Amino acid sequence: MDPLLIAVIVAVFTLVVLFSGIPIAFGLSFVSIALLVAFEGVQMLDVFAETFYAGLNSFVLLSIPMFILMGMAVANSPAGKDLYTGLDRWLWRVPGGLVISNIGACSIFAALSGSSPATCAAIGTMGIPEMRKRGYSDQIATGTIAAGGTLGVLIPPSIVLIVYGIATGTSIGRLFLCGLVPGFMLAGMFAIWALIHSYYIDKDSAKALGNRTKPTLKEKLEVLPRILPFLAIIAGVLYVLYGGVATPSEASGVGAFLVFVLIAVVYKIYQPRKIWNIIKVSMKESVMIMFIIAASYLFAFTLSQLYVTQSLAQSMVDISSNKWVVFILINIFLLIAGFFLPPVAVIVMTSAILLPVITTLGFDPYWFAIVFTINMEIGLITPPVGLNLYIIKGITPDVSLSEILKGSIPFMIIMALAILILCIFPEIVTWLPDKIMGKPLGY
């Protein structure tokens, strides 16, 4: 049978299974087994267990549960509240300062937790009621947090970038460096929109902000001792990664340990029950991601065995002689995929197909990783499976989902603009890692 026809069958069958509501890992495993047996015979069952195990047989994977544990420890402590309070007090006079405070808190918390949902929930629980109480519209209050939460998948240490590195065999340390400048650039673009909104669209909220009581210097300084140690841990983790002192697994393990020490010392969280709750949530999240990775490895093996990956890659290259046309089509595909599937699932399902296409067209795979990730950010605030939208809805049940979506739309446009900027100026992504680590071989 023609590989392209098999590709169509695979795509339809996979979508039907995944849209049935079955968990992604089970769905991918079922699709893989069914297709291998149907096209290659029952004897292919012999390789199922070995291939599934091979998907998890990597020491680098240890960094995922460690970074998740590190993030959950922060998310289950008052660190988010302190971040929010500190930024709010320092930016109190800036028009739109409360919105910018929330974006800044999301950026820093994203770096601490590496998780978009955790960032969205932690900062949104405090930030949205404050913004609404001080006169900000429901749209800007909810949209800011929904979009700010997406920074957790781009600003290192990012679980999504770790999964991309594992799936594509690229350096996780370099990916983190690649995400650093674009992540804060995107946060800055969000902040600029907040200023524009306050000056020209929501002037009443800016006026209300200007009438606030000025915080004292003591109030500004008192929160810093509780925030700075956490930031020092992030800086330390990134330093040992980029400096070649430790592997991602070692750095994440030490980082998680130090975060637990800090929440015990700073916030007195050392009771066994509270520690166990953090470990339990982390374990659940880690097992889910690990299961998806193993299933995706089996899925990628199936695509390769049926010659689907190679045929699709060649077909995409043959679509147009202009590499940018193919690139735009890939971005449209990623956007649509992100509407329906979480970032980790999209990465592990598509990277085996897309990476050969990207490298054949002459694009830098590290640069593409950041463009890929921003596409996934857009998917997090886009129906029907925009996870952050539903988290915000849970925080503000009296605000309709349509209002939350309307508040998120300007930030979606900003993310699309960020992708365009990175296409025009790819050095925004590549300059820092090339400066620190040198250019990768072959690029």
Protein backbone atom coordinates (compact mmCIF):
# COMPACT_ATOMS: atom_id res chain seq x y z
CA MET A 1 0.00 0.00 0.00
CA ASP A 2 1.15 3.54 -0.79
CA PRO A 3 2.80 5.11 2.31
CA LEU A 4 0.86 8.36 1.82
CA LEU A 5 -2.42 6.44 1.85
CA ILE A 6 -1.24 4.68 5.01
CA ALA A 7 -0.46 8.15 6.43
CA VAL A 8 -4.05 9.24 5.81
CA ILE A 9 -5.36 6.08 7.50
CA VAL A 10 -3.02 6.65 10.44
CA ALA A 11 -4.10 10.29 10.81
CA VAL A 12 -7.84 9.51 10.68
CA PHE A 13 -7.57 6.51 13.00
CA THR A 14 -5.44 8.45 15.50
CA LEU A 15 -7.82 11.43 15.58
CA VAL A 16 -10.86 9.17 16.04
CA VAL A 17 -9.21 7.36 18.96
CA LEU A 18 -7.93 10.52 20.66
CA PHE A 19 -11.23 12.38 20.27
CA SER A 20 -13.03 9.43 21.87
CA GLY A 21 -11.79 10.75 25.22
CA ILE A 22 -9.33 7.94 25.93
CA PRO A 23 -6.15 9.14 27.70
CA ILE A 24 -3.49 10.15 25.18
CA ALA A 25 -0.92 7.56 26.26
CA PHE A 26 -3.41 4.68 26.02
CA GLY A 27 -4.76 6.04 22.74
CA LEU A 28 -1.31 6.25 21.10
CA SER A 29 -0.40 2.76 22.33
CA PHE A 30 -3.65 1.29 20.99
CA VAL A 31 -3.24 3.00 17.61
CA SER A 32 0.37 1.82 17.33
CA ILE A 33 -0.40 -1.81 18.17
CA ALA A 34 -3.45 -1.92 15.91
CA LEU A 35 -1.58 -0.46 12.93
CA LEU A 36 1.50 -2.67 13.39
CA VAL A 37 -0.62 -5.82 13.58
CA ALA A 38 -2.83 -4.77 10.64
CA PHE A 39 0.02 -3.92 8.26
CA GLU A 40 2.96 -5.98 9.52
CA GLY A 41 1.36 -9.01 11.15
CA VAL A 42 0.88 -10.43 14.65
CA GLN A 43 4.61 -11.08 15.03
CA MET A 44 5.10 -7.32 15.59
CA LEU A 45 3.64 -7.77 19.07
CA ASP A 46 7.02 -9.20 20.03
CA VAL A 47 8.63 -5.74 19.77
CA PHE A 48 5.91 -3.87 21.66
CA ALA A 49 7.29 -4.22 25.21
CA GLU A 50 10.91 -3.67 24.11
CA THR A 51 10.05 -0.51 22.14
CA PHE A 52 7.85 0.85 24.91
CA TYR A 53 10.66 0.32 27.44
CA ALA A 54 13.21 1.89 25.09
CA GLY A 55 11.15 5.08 25.12
CA LEU A 56 11.84 5.44 28.85
CA ASN A 57 15.38 4.06 28.92
CA SER A 58 17.11 7.43 29.12
CA PHE A 59 18.89 9.01 32.08
CA VAL A 60 17.89 12.47 30.80
CA LEU A 61 14.24 11.65 31.52
CA LEU A 62 15.02 11.83 35.23
CA SER A 63 15.07 15.62 34.90
CA ILE A 64 11.34 15.72 34.15
CA PRO A 65 10.03 14.41 37.53
CA MET A 66 12.72 16.43 39.33
CA PHE A 67 11.74 19.71 37.67
CA ILE A 68 8.06 18.87 38.22
CA LEU A 69 8.79 18.20 41.89
CA MET A 70 10.65 21.51 42.07
CA GLY A 71 7.71 23.32 40.48
CA MET A 72 5.05 21.69 42.62
CA ALA A 73 6.98 22.56 45.78
CA VAL A 74 6.89 26.22 44.74
CA ALA A 75 3.28 26.06 43.58
CA ASN A 76 2.16 24.59 46.92
CA SER A 77 3.87 27.28 48.98
CA PRO A 78 3.13 31.00 49.41
CA ALA A 79 5.99 31.82 46.98
CA GLY A 80 3.51 32.89 44.30
CA LYS A 81 1.79 35.27 46.68
CA ASP A 82 5.10 36.83 47.69
CA LEU A 83 6.14 37.26 44.06
CA TYR A 84 2.87 38.95 43.26
CA THR A 85 2.96 41.17 46.36
CA GLY A 86 6.55 42.26 45.78
CA LEU A 87 6.03 43.22 42.13
CA ASP A 88 2.76 44.97 42.94
CA ARG A 89 4.45 47.15 45.54
CA TRP A 90 7.41 48.07 43.31
CA LEU A 91 5.26 48.84 40.25
CA TRP A 92 2.37 50.55 42.05
CA ARG A 93 2.69 53.90 40.21
CA VAL A 94 3.07 52.54 36.68
CA PRO A 95 -0.11 52.90 34.56
CA GLY A 96 -1.34 49.36 34.18
CA GLY A 97 1.12 48.46 36.92
CA LEU A 98 -1.10 45.82 38.46
CA VAL A 99 -1.42 44.07 35.10
CA ILE A 100 2.34 44.33 34.59
CA SER A 101 2.84 43.00 38.13
CA ASN A 102 0.84 39.93 37.24
CA ILE A 103 2.77 39.39 34.00
CA GLY A 104 6.06 39.79 35.88
CA ALA A 105 4.89 37.40 38.60
CA CYS A 106 3.86 34.89 35.91
CA SER A 107 7.29 35.19 34.26
CA ILE A 108 9.21 34.58 37.48
CA PHE A 109 6.84 31.88 38.72
CA ALA A 110 7.09 30.20 35.31
CA ALA A 111 10.86 30.08 35.72
CA LEU A 112 10.42 28.62 39.20
CA SER A 113 7.79 26.02 38.32
CA GLY A 114 8.30 25.26 34.62
CA SER A 115 4.57 24.62 34.42
CA SER A 116 1.94 26.68 32.64
CA PRO A 117 -1.10 25.38 34.59
CA ALA A 118 0.71 25.83 37.94
CA THR A 119 1.67 29.41 37.01
CA CYS A 120 -1.85 30.20 35.86
CA ALA A 121 -3.45 28.81 39.01
CA ALA A 122 -0.96 30.24 41.53
CA ILE A 123 -0.83 33.82 40.22
CA GLY A 124 -4.44 33.91 39.01
CA THR A 125 -5.87 33.01 42.39
CA MET A 126 -4.38 36.20 43.83
CA GLY A 127 -4.07 38.48 40.83
CA ILE A 128 -7.50 38.26 39.20
CA PRO A 129 -9.56 39.24 42.29
CA GLU A 130 -7.18 42.15 42.96
CA MET A 131 -7.44 43.47 39.42
CA ARG A 132 -11.22 43.19 39.37
CA LYS A 133 -11.49 44.84 42.78
CA ARG A 134 -9.46 47.82 41.57
CA GLY A 135 -11.55 48.46 38.48
CA TYR A 136 -9.89 46.44 35.75
CA SER A 137 -12.30 44.83 33.28
CA ASP A 138 -12.93 41.11 33.49
CA GLN A 139 -11.41 40.67 30.05
CA ILE A 140 -8.01 42.20 30.82
CA ALA A 141 -7.90 40.65 34.32
CA THR A 142 -8.52 37.09 33.10
CA GLY A 143 -6.75 37.41 29.75
CA THR A 144 -3.55 38.65 31.39
CA ILE A 145 -3.27 35.61 33.65
CA ALA A 146 -4.31 33.13 30.96
CA ALA A 147 -1.61 34.47 28.63
CA GLY A 148 0.98 35.05 31.38
CA GLY A 149 0.57 31.44 32.45
CA THR A 150 1.68 30.26 29.01
CA LEU A 151 5.15 31.68 29.68
CA GLY A 152 5.72 28.58 31.80
CA VAL A 153 6.25 26.48 28.66
CA LEU A 154 8.92 28.81 27.24
CA ILE A 155 10.95 30.36 30.08
CA PRO A 156 13.43 27.75 31.41
CA PRO A 157 13.38 25.36 33.07
CA SER A 158 10.49 24.32 30.81
CA ILE A 159 9.08 20.79 30.85
CA VAL A 160 7.96 21.26 27.24
CA LEU A 161 11.51 22.13 26.11
CA ILE A 162 12.87 19.12 28.02
CA VAL A 163 10.42 16.84 26.23
CA TYR A 164 11.33 18.43 22.88
CA GLY A 165 15.03 17.87 23.60
CA ILE A 166 14.44 14.22 24.47
CA ALA A 167 12.16 13.63 21.48
CA THR A 168 14.54 15.22 18.98
CA GLY A 169 17.91 14.40 20.53
CA THR A 170 18.82 18.08 20.88
CA SER A 171 20.68 19.63 23.82
CA ILE A 172 18.35 20.56 26.68
CA GLY A 173 20.83 23.12 28.02
CA ARG A 174 20.95 24.86 24.62
CA LEU A 175 17.16 24.76 24.36
CA PHE A 176 16.89 26.48 27.75
CA LEU A 177 19.25 29.21 26.57
CA CYS A 178 17.28 29.55 23.34
CA GLY A 179 14.06 30.08 25.31
CA LEU A 180 15.42 32.66 27.72
CA VAL A 181 15.48 35.83 25.56
CA PRO A 182 12.29 35.05 23.57
CA GLY A 183 10.49 34.22 26.83
CA PHE A 184 11.25 37.56 28.41
CA MET A 185 10.72 39.32 25.08
CA LEU A 186 7.22 37.88 25.00
CA ALA A 187 6.63 38.93 28.62
CA GLY A 188 7.77 42.44 27.67
CA MET A 189 5.37 42.51 24.72
CA PHE A 190 2.57 41.47 27.06
CA ALA A 191 3.54 44.32 29.41
CA ILE A 192 3.54 46.85 26.53
CA TRP A 193 0.02 45.79 25.64
CA ALA A 194 -0.98 46.28 29.29
CA LEU A 195 0.33 49.86 29.14
CA ILE A 196 -1.50 50.54 25.88
CA HIS A 197 -4.69 49.08 27.33
CA SER A 198 -4.42 51.25 30.44
CA TYR A 199 -3.65 54.49 28.57
CA TYR A 200 -6.09 54.22 25.66
CA ILE A 201 -8.73 51.57 26.43
CA ASP A 202 -9.28 51.24 30.18
CA LYS A 203 -8.42 54.69 31.56
CA ASP A 204 -10.71 54.30 34.58
CA SER A 205 -8.60 51.41 35.85
CA ALA A 206 -5.41 53.45 35.45
CA LYS A 207 -7.02 56.29 37.38
CA ALA A 208 -8.07 53.92 40.14
CA LEU A 209 -4.53 52.55 40.29
CA GLY A 210 -3.14 56.09 40.61
CA ASN A 211 -5.29 56.68 43.71
CA ARG A 212 -3.76 53.79 45.63
CA THR A 213 -1.87 54.36 48.86
CA LYS A 214 1.85 54.49 48.27
CA PRO A 215 3.62 51.47 49.80
CA THR A 216 6.44 52.31 52.17
CA LEU A 217 10.05 51.38 51.52
CA LYS A 218 9.80 48.89 54.38
CA GLU A 219 6.83 47.20 52.69
CA LYS A 220 8.78 47.05 49.44
CA LEU A 221 11.84 45.51 51.03
CA GLU A 222 10.26 43.10 53.49
CA VAL A 223 9.16 40.62 50.84
CA LEU A 224 12.53 40.42 49.07
CA PRO A 225 14.22 37.99 51.53
CA ARG A 226 11.48 35.48 50.78
CA ILE A 227 11.73 35.84 46.99
CA LEU A 228 15.44 36.21 46.32
CA PRO A 229 16.48 32.71 47.54
CA PHE A 230 14.12 31.08 45.04
CA LEU A 231 15.47 33.25 42.24
CA ALA A 232 18.99 32.32 43.32
CA ILE A 233 18.11 28.63 42.92
CA ILE A 234 16.87 29.22 39.37
CA ALA A 235 20.00 31.21 38.56
CA GLY A 236 22.14 28.45 40.06
CA VAL A 237 20.38 25.67 38.13
CA LEU A 238 20.77 27.56 34.87
CA TYR A 239 24.42 28.34 35.62
CA VAL A 240 25.42 24.72 36.25
CA LEU A 241 23.55 23.65 33.11
CA TYR A 242 25.10 26.23 30.83
CA GLY A 243 28.49 26.10 32.47
CA GLY A 244 28.80 22.36 31.91
CA VAL A 245 29.06 21.75 35.65
CA ALA A 246 26.14 19.30 35.79
CA THR A 247 23.73 17.41 33.56
CA PRO A 248 20.03 18.39 33.44
CA SER A 249 19.18 15.42 35.68
CA GLU A 250 21.76 16.38 38.30
CA ALA A 251 20.85 20.06 38.22
CA SER A 252 17.12 19.33 38.51
CA GLY A 253 17.66 16.95 41.44
CA VAL A 254 19.74 19.45 43.40
CA GLY A 255 17.29 22.24 42.49
CA ALA A 256 14.33 20.22 43.77
CA PHE A 257 16.15 19.43 47.02
CA LEU A 258 17.06 23.09 47.62
CA VAL A 259 13.50 24.25 46.92
CA PHE A 260 12.22 21.79 49.54
CA VAL A 261 14.79 23.13 51.99
CA LEU A 262 13.66 26.70 51.26
CA ILE A 263 9.95 26.08 51.67
CA ALA A 264 10.73 24.39 54.98
CA VAL A 265 12.92 27.27 56.21
CA VAL A 266 11.03 30.24 54.74
CA TYR A 267 7.42 29.03 54.90
CA LYS A 268 7.64 26.34 57.60
CA ILE A 269 6.33 23.67 55.25
CA TYR A 270 7.93 20.55 56.68
CA GLN A 271 4.99 18.50 57.98
CA PRO A 272 5.03 14.96 56.48
CA ARG A 273 1.42 15.30 55.28
CA LYS A 274 2.14 18.49 53.31
CA ILE A 275 5.36 17.10 51.87
CA TRP A 276 3.56 13.92 50.84
CA ASN A 277 0.83 15.93 49.09
CA ILE A 278 3.47 17.73 47.02
CA ILE A 279 5.18 14.43 46.15
CA LYS A 280 1.86 12.79 45.29
CA VAL A 281 0.82 15.54 42.85
CA SER A 282 4.31 15.55 41.31
CA MET A 283 4.27 11.79 40.92
CA LYS A 284 0.89 11.85 39.19
CA GLU A 285 2.03 14.54 36.73
CA SER A 286 5.37 12.81 36.10
CA VAL A 287 3.87 9.39 35.43
CA MET A 288 1.38 10.92 33.00
CA ILE A 289 4.14 12.64 31.00
CA MET A 290 6.42 9.58 31.11
CA PHE A 291 3.61 7.35 29.88
CA ILE A 292 2.92 9.75 26.99
CA ILE A 293 6.63 9.80 26.09
CA ALA A 294 6.85 5.99 26.05
CA ALA A 295 3.66 5.69 24.00
CA SER A 296 4.87 8.34 21.57
CA TYR A 297 8.14 6.45 21.11
CA LEU A 298 6.09 3.42 20.11
CA PHE A 299 3.97 5.62 17.83
CA ALA A 300 7.09 7.07 16.16
CA PHE A 301 8.45 3.53 15.68
CA THR A 302 5.17 2.57 14.01
CA LEU A 303 5.27 5.55 11.65
CA SER A 304 8.86 4.75 10.69
CA GLN A 305 8.14 1.03 10.27
CA LEU A 306 5.27 1.82 7.88
CA TYR A 307 7.46 4.35 6.05
CA VAL A 308 4.99 7.12 6.90
CA THR A 309 7.53 9.50 8.42
CA GLN A 310 9.88 9.41 5.46
CA SER A 311 7.07 9.77 2.89
CA LEU A 312 5.42 12.68 4.68
CA ALA A 313 8.71 14.47 5.10
CA GLN A 314 9.50 14.15 1.41
CA SER A 315 5.97 15.17 0.42
CA MET A 316 6.13 18.31 2.56
CA VAL A 317 9.46 19.24 1.00
CA ASP A 318 8.02 18.67 -2.49
CA ILE A 319 4.97 20.89 -1.83
CA SER A 320 6.88 24.03 -2.70
CA SER A 321 10.34 25.08 -3.70
CA ASN A 322 9.99 27.97 -1.22
CA LYS A 323 10.96 26.81 2.24
CA TRP A 324 8.92 29.59 3.88
CA VAL A 325 5.72 28.29 2.28
CA VAL A 326 6.38 24.90 3.85
CA PHE A 327 7.25 26.60 7.14
CA ILE A 328 3.93 28.50 7.16
CA LEU A 329 2.04 25.27 6.46
CA ILE A 330 3.87 23.59 9.35
CA ASN A 331 2.90 26.46 11.66
CA ILE A 332 -0.75 26.23 10.62
CA PHE A 333 -0.62 22.50 11.32
CA LEU A 334 0.94 23.09 14.75
CA LEU A 335 -1.66 25.73 15.63
CA ILE A 336 -4.51 23.39 14.74
CA ALA A 337 -2.89 20.51 16.64
CA GLY A 338 -2.42 22.79 19.66
CA PHE A 339 -6.15 23.60 19.63
CA PHE A 340 -6.95 19.99 20.48
CA LEU A 341 -3.94 18.44 22.21
CA PRO A 342 -1.61 19.45 25.09
CA PRO A 343 1.92 20.62 24.16
CA VAL A 344 3.70 17.46 25.33
CA ALA A 345 1.41 15.26 23.21
CA VAL A 346 1.91 17.41 20.09
CA ILE A 347 5.69 17.38 20.50
CA VAL A 348 6.06 13.66 20.98
CA MET A 349 3.63 12.85 18.15
CA THR A 350 4.98 15.24 15.50
CA SER A 351 8.68 15.78 16.19
CA ALA A 352 9.69 12.57 14.40
CA ILE A 353 7.94 13.84 11.26
CA LEU A 354 8.76 17.54 11.43
CA LEU A 355 12.44 17.52 12.44
CA PRO A 356 13.67 15.88 9.20
CA VAL A 357 11.61 18.39 7.21
CA ILE A 358 12.96 21.37 9.15
CA THR A 359 16.59 20.30 8.84
CA THR A 360 16.18 19.43 5.14
CA LEU A 361 14.82 22.92 4.51
CA GLY A 362 17.86 24.41 6.24
CA PHE A 363 16.18 25.72 9.40
CA ASP A 364 17.95 25.61 12.76
CA PRO A 365 16.20 22.92 14.90
CA TYR A 366 16.81 24.96 18.06
CA TRP A 367 15.25 28.06 16.54
CA PHE A 368 12.32 25.94 15.35
CA ALA A 369 11.91 24.55 18.89
CA ILE A 370 11.09 28.05 20.17
CA VAL A 371 8.68 28.76 17.30
CA PHE A 372 7.10 25.36 17.98
CA THR A 373 6.76 26.19 21.68
CA ILE A 374 5.11 29.58 21.04
CA ASN A 375 2.58 27.80 18.83
CA MET A 376 1.86 25.52 21.77
CA GLU A 377 1.44 28.60 24.00
CA ILE A 378 -1.29 29.86 21.69
CA GLY A 379 -3.00 26.47 21.94
CA LEU A 380 -3.09 26.76 25.74
CA ILE A 381 -5.46 29.76 25.50
CA THR A 382 -7.47 28.59 22.49
CA PRO A 383 -10.64 26.46 22.58
CA PRO A 384 -11.69 23.71 22.61
CA VAL A 385 -8.87 22.34 24.80
CA GLY A 386 -7.26 25.57 25.99
CA LEU A 387 -6.19 24.34 29.42
CA ASN A 388 -5.44 27.79 30.81
CA LEU A 389 -8.90 29.07 29.88
CA TYR A 390 -10.53 26.40 32.01
CA ILE A 391 -8.16 27.02 34.91
CA ILE A 392 -9.15 30.71 34.82
CA LYS A 393 -12.79 29.73 34.58
CA GLY A 394 -12.35 27.66 37.73
CA ILE A 395 -10.81 30.65 39.52
CA THR A 396 -13.57 33.06 38.35
CA PRO A 397 -16.74 31.01 37.91
CA ASP A 398 -18.85 34.18 37.56
CA VAL A 399 -16.95 35.26 34.41
CA SER A 400 -18.11 33.60 31.19
CA LEU A 401 -15.68 31.58 29.09
CA SER A 402 -16.34 33.92 26.16
CA GLU A 403 -15.18 36.92 28.23
CA ILE A 404 -12.00 35.08 29.21
CA LEU A 405 -11.41 34.21 25.56
CA LYS A 406 -11.96 37.82 24.45
CA GLY A 407 -9.37 38.95 26.98
CA SER A 408 -6.92 36.36 25.65
CA ILE A 409 -7.27 37.24 21.95
CA PRO A 410 -4.89 40.28 22.02
CA PHE A 411 -2.24 38.07 23.61
CA MET A 412 -2.72 35.42 20.90
CA ILE A 413 -2.06 38.15 18.32
CA ILE A 414 1.06 39.20 20.25
CA MET A 415 2.34 35.60 20.20
CA ALA A 416 1.76 35.39 16.45
CA LEU A 417 3.66 38.68 16.11
CA ALA A 418 6.48 37.21 18.23
CA ILE A 419 6.76 34.27 15.80
CA LEU A 420 7.01 36.74 12.91
CA ILE A 421 9.74 38.69 14.74
CA LEU A 422 11.71 35.49 15.37
CA CYS A 423 11.42 34.60 11.68
CA ILE A 424 12.84 37.98 10.68
CA PHE A 425 15.45 38.07 13.45
CA PRO A 426 16.37 34.44 14.29
CA GLU A 427 19.40 35.73 16.20
CA ILE A 428 17.02 36.59 19.07
CA VAL A 429 16.91 32.84 19.68
CA THR A 430 20.37 31.76 18.64
CA TRP A 431 22.64 34.59 19.82
CA LEU A 432 22.77 33.74 23.54
CA PRO A 433 23.38 29.97 23.19
CA ASP A 434 25.95 30.55 20.43
CA LYS A 435 27.71 33.10 22.63
CA ILE A 436 27.84 30.86 25.69
CA MET A 437 28.05 27.36 24.21
CA GLY A 438 29.35 28.02 20.70
CA LYS A 439 27.57 27.11 17.48
CA PRO A 440 26.36 23.50 17.23
CA LEU A 441 28.16 21.32 14.70
CA GLY A 442 26.57 21.35 11.29
CA TYR A 443 24.77 24.70 11.66
